[in-house]
Each structure stands twice: as C-alpha cells, then as structure tokens.
Amino acid sequence: MKFLKFVALTAGLLWHMGAHAELVAIQEAIEAYEINVVMNGTGDGYALARSCAECPSVRLDIDQQTAVTVDGKPVMAGKNIEKDWSGGVVIYDIKTNHVVRLHL
C-alpha cells in the first residue's frame, strides 16, 4: 500500500510541475540477413551487417567488451567468430557504431 501511495504522490508532483519525459534512443538493433565478422589478433574488429540481400552493409566496430553469443552460448570476441554468418542480431550504440551485443 505504501508503494501505491508513493506512485500516486510522485505522479501528482510530476503532473503538477509539468514534467515531460522524452525517450532517447541510445542503441539500435539490426536483425541481419548476413553478418561478415572481421577480427584482428587482439580481439578488435568489425562486423558488416545487412538486413536483406539487396540492402547495403553497415560497418560496426567490435572489441573485447562486445558480448558475443553463438548458438545461444557466450564466446569471447576473437578469431573464433571471424567468418560470414548467415544471420543474427547486432545491437549497437548509435552514437559510436560500437557493437554492444552480437548474437550469431
């Protein structure tokens, strides 16, 4: 019950003060038709992802901070993921084009 009072009080204060919430996109996702992963020996590299056969590729940076899963299992970003993949999901920071998560 205390939680509901807190929510009602907060909502009332925000409405009274005229607060407006704005959604700001910080990440984007590509459900890719094809992903070409290129890595160097240090765990850094990039992914060329396209969402359809006729669509242009988008180049996105990969580093050791990128969370990578292959067939649902976590793996380290490195030479073991360097190849052409027939699909997956790439989640990246829209300001830096850095891949946050890569699901292959």
Protein backbone atom coordinates (compact mmCIF):
# COMPACT_ATOMS: atom_id res chain seq x y z
CA MET A 1 0.00 0.00 0.00
CA LYS A 2 2.89 2.36 0.76
CA PHE A 3 4.18 1.76 -2.77
CA LEU A 4 0.87 2.80 -4.32
CA LYS A 5 0.82 5.99 -2.22
CA PHE A 6 4.39 6.74 -3.35
CA VAL A 7 3.46 6.20 -7.02
CA ALA A 8 0.36 8.37 -6.70
CA LEU A 9 2.29 11.13 -4.92
CA THR A 10 5.12 11.04 -7.46
CA ALA A 11 2.70 11.08 -10.40
CA GLY A 12 0.84 14.01 -8.86
CA LEU A 13 4.02 16.01 -8.32
CA LEU A 14 5.26 15.35 -11.84
CA TRP A 15 1.92 16.31 -13.35
CA HIS A 16 1.76 19.44 -11.25
CA MET A 17 5.30 20.50 -12.16
CA GLY A 18 4.66 19.88 -15.84
CA ALA A 19 7.46 17.32 -16.23
CA HIS A 20 7.63 15.68 -19.62
CA ALA A 21 9.52 12.51 -20.29
CA GLU A 22 11.25 12.06 -23.61
CA LEU A 23 12.58 8.75 -24.89
CA VAL A 24 16.09 8.98 -26.24
CA ALA A 25 17.40 6.12 -28.36
CA ILE A 26 20.91 5.08 -27.41
CA GLN A 27 21.03 1.66 -29.03
CA GLU A 28 19.79 0.23 -32.30
CA ALA A 29 19.41 -3.37 -33.41
CA ILE A 30 19.76 -5.00 -36.79
CA GLU A 31 18.10 -8.33 -37.42
CA ALA A 32 20.63 -9.27 -40.02
CA TYR A 33 20.25 -11.39 -43.11
CA GLU A 34 24.04 -11.70 -43.25
CA ILE A 35 26.91 -10.69 -40.94
CA ASN A 36 30.54 -10.69 -42.05
CA VAL A 37 32.82 -10.58 -38.99
CA VAL A 38 36.46 -9.50 -39.44
CA MET A 39 38.78 -9.69 -36.40
CA ASN A 40 42.45 -8.97 -35.73
CA GLY A 41 44.60 -10.83 -33.21
CA THR A 42 43.82 -8.51 -30.30
CA GLY A 43 40.05 -9.10 -30.13
CA ASP A 44 39.20 -5.95 -32.05
CA GLY A 45 37.49 -5.91 -35.41
CA TYR A 46 34.26 -5.06 -37.12
CA ALA A 47 31.04 -6.52 -38.43
CA LEU A 48 29.47 -5.79 -41.79
CA ALA A 49 25.76 -6.40 -41.28
CA ARG A 50 22.95 -6.18 -43.78
CA SER A 51 19.27 -6.71 -43.16
CA CYS A 52 18.44 -8.06 -46.64
CA ALA A 53 20.25 -9.41 -49.69
CA GLU A 54 19.84 -6.13 -51.58
CA CYS A 55 20.46 -3.85 -48.57
CA PRO A 56 23.77 -2.05 -48.11
CA SER A 57 26.11 -3.27 -45.36
CA VAL A 58 26.55 -1.29 -42.16
CA ARG A 59 30.05 -1.35 -40.63
CA LEU A 60 30.06 -1.63 -36.83
CA ASP A 61 33.08 -1.90 -34.50
CA ILE A 62 33.72 -4.92 -32.26
CA ASP A 63 36.12 -5.09 -29.32
CA GLN A 64 36.76 -7.24 -26.26
CA GLN A 65 33.86 -5.52 -24.45
CA THR A 66 31.37 -6.81 -27.03
CA ALA A 67 29.15 -9.58 -25.64
CA VAL A 68 29.02 -12.37 -28.22
CA THR A 69 26.80 -15.45 -28.31
CA VAL A 70 26.98 -18.24 -30.87
CA ASP A 71 24.01 -20.62 -30.93
CA GLY A 72 22.96 -19.23 -27.55
CA LYS A 73 26.34 -19.85 -25.87
CA PRO A 74 28.61 -16.97 -24.77
CA VAL A 75 32.00 -16.79 -26.50
CA MET A 76 34.89 -14.33 -26.49
CA ALA A 77 35.16 -11.84 -29.34
CA GLY A 78 38.15 -13.03 -31.35
CA LYS A 79 39.31 -15.07 -34.30
CA ASN A 80 36.83 -17.87 -33.45
CA ILE A 81 33.92 -15.71 -34.70
CA GLU A 82 35.65 -14.40 -37.84
CA LYS A 83 33.59 -15.60 -40.80
CA ASP A 84 30.48 -14.90 -42.85
CA TRP A 85 27.41 -15.71 -40.77
CA SER A 86 24.03 -16.35 -42.37
CA GLY A 87 22.12 -14.12 -40.00
CA GLY A 88 21.95 -12.95 -36.44
CA VAL A 89 21.23 -9.89 -34.33
CA VAL A 90 23.57 -6.94 -33.85
CA ILE A 91 22.84 -4.44 -31.07
CA TYR A 92 24.99 -1.33 -31.24
CA ASP A 93 25.45 2.16 -29.82
CA ILE A 94 24.05 4.60 -32.36
CA LYS A 95 26.50 7.38 -31.50
CA THR A 96 29.72 5.35 -31.70
CA ASN A 97 28.71 2.44 -34.00
CA HIS A 98 30.20 0.11 -31.37
CA VAL A 99 28.63 -3.35 -31.13
CA VAL A 100 27.30 -3.93 -27.63
CA ARG A 101 25.89 -7.44 -28.23
CA LEU A 102 26.27 -9.80 -31.14
CA HIS A 103 24.03 -12.88 -31.40
CA LEU A 104 25.15 -15.30 -34.11
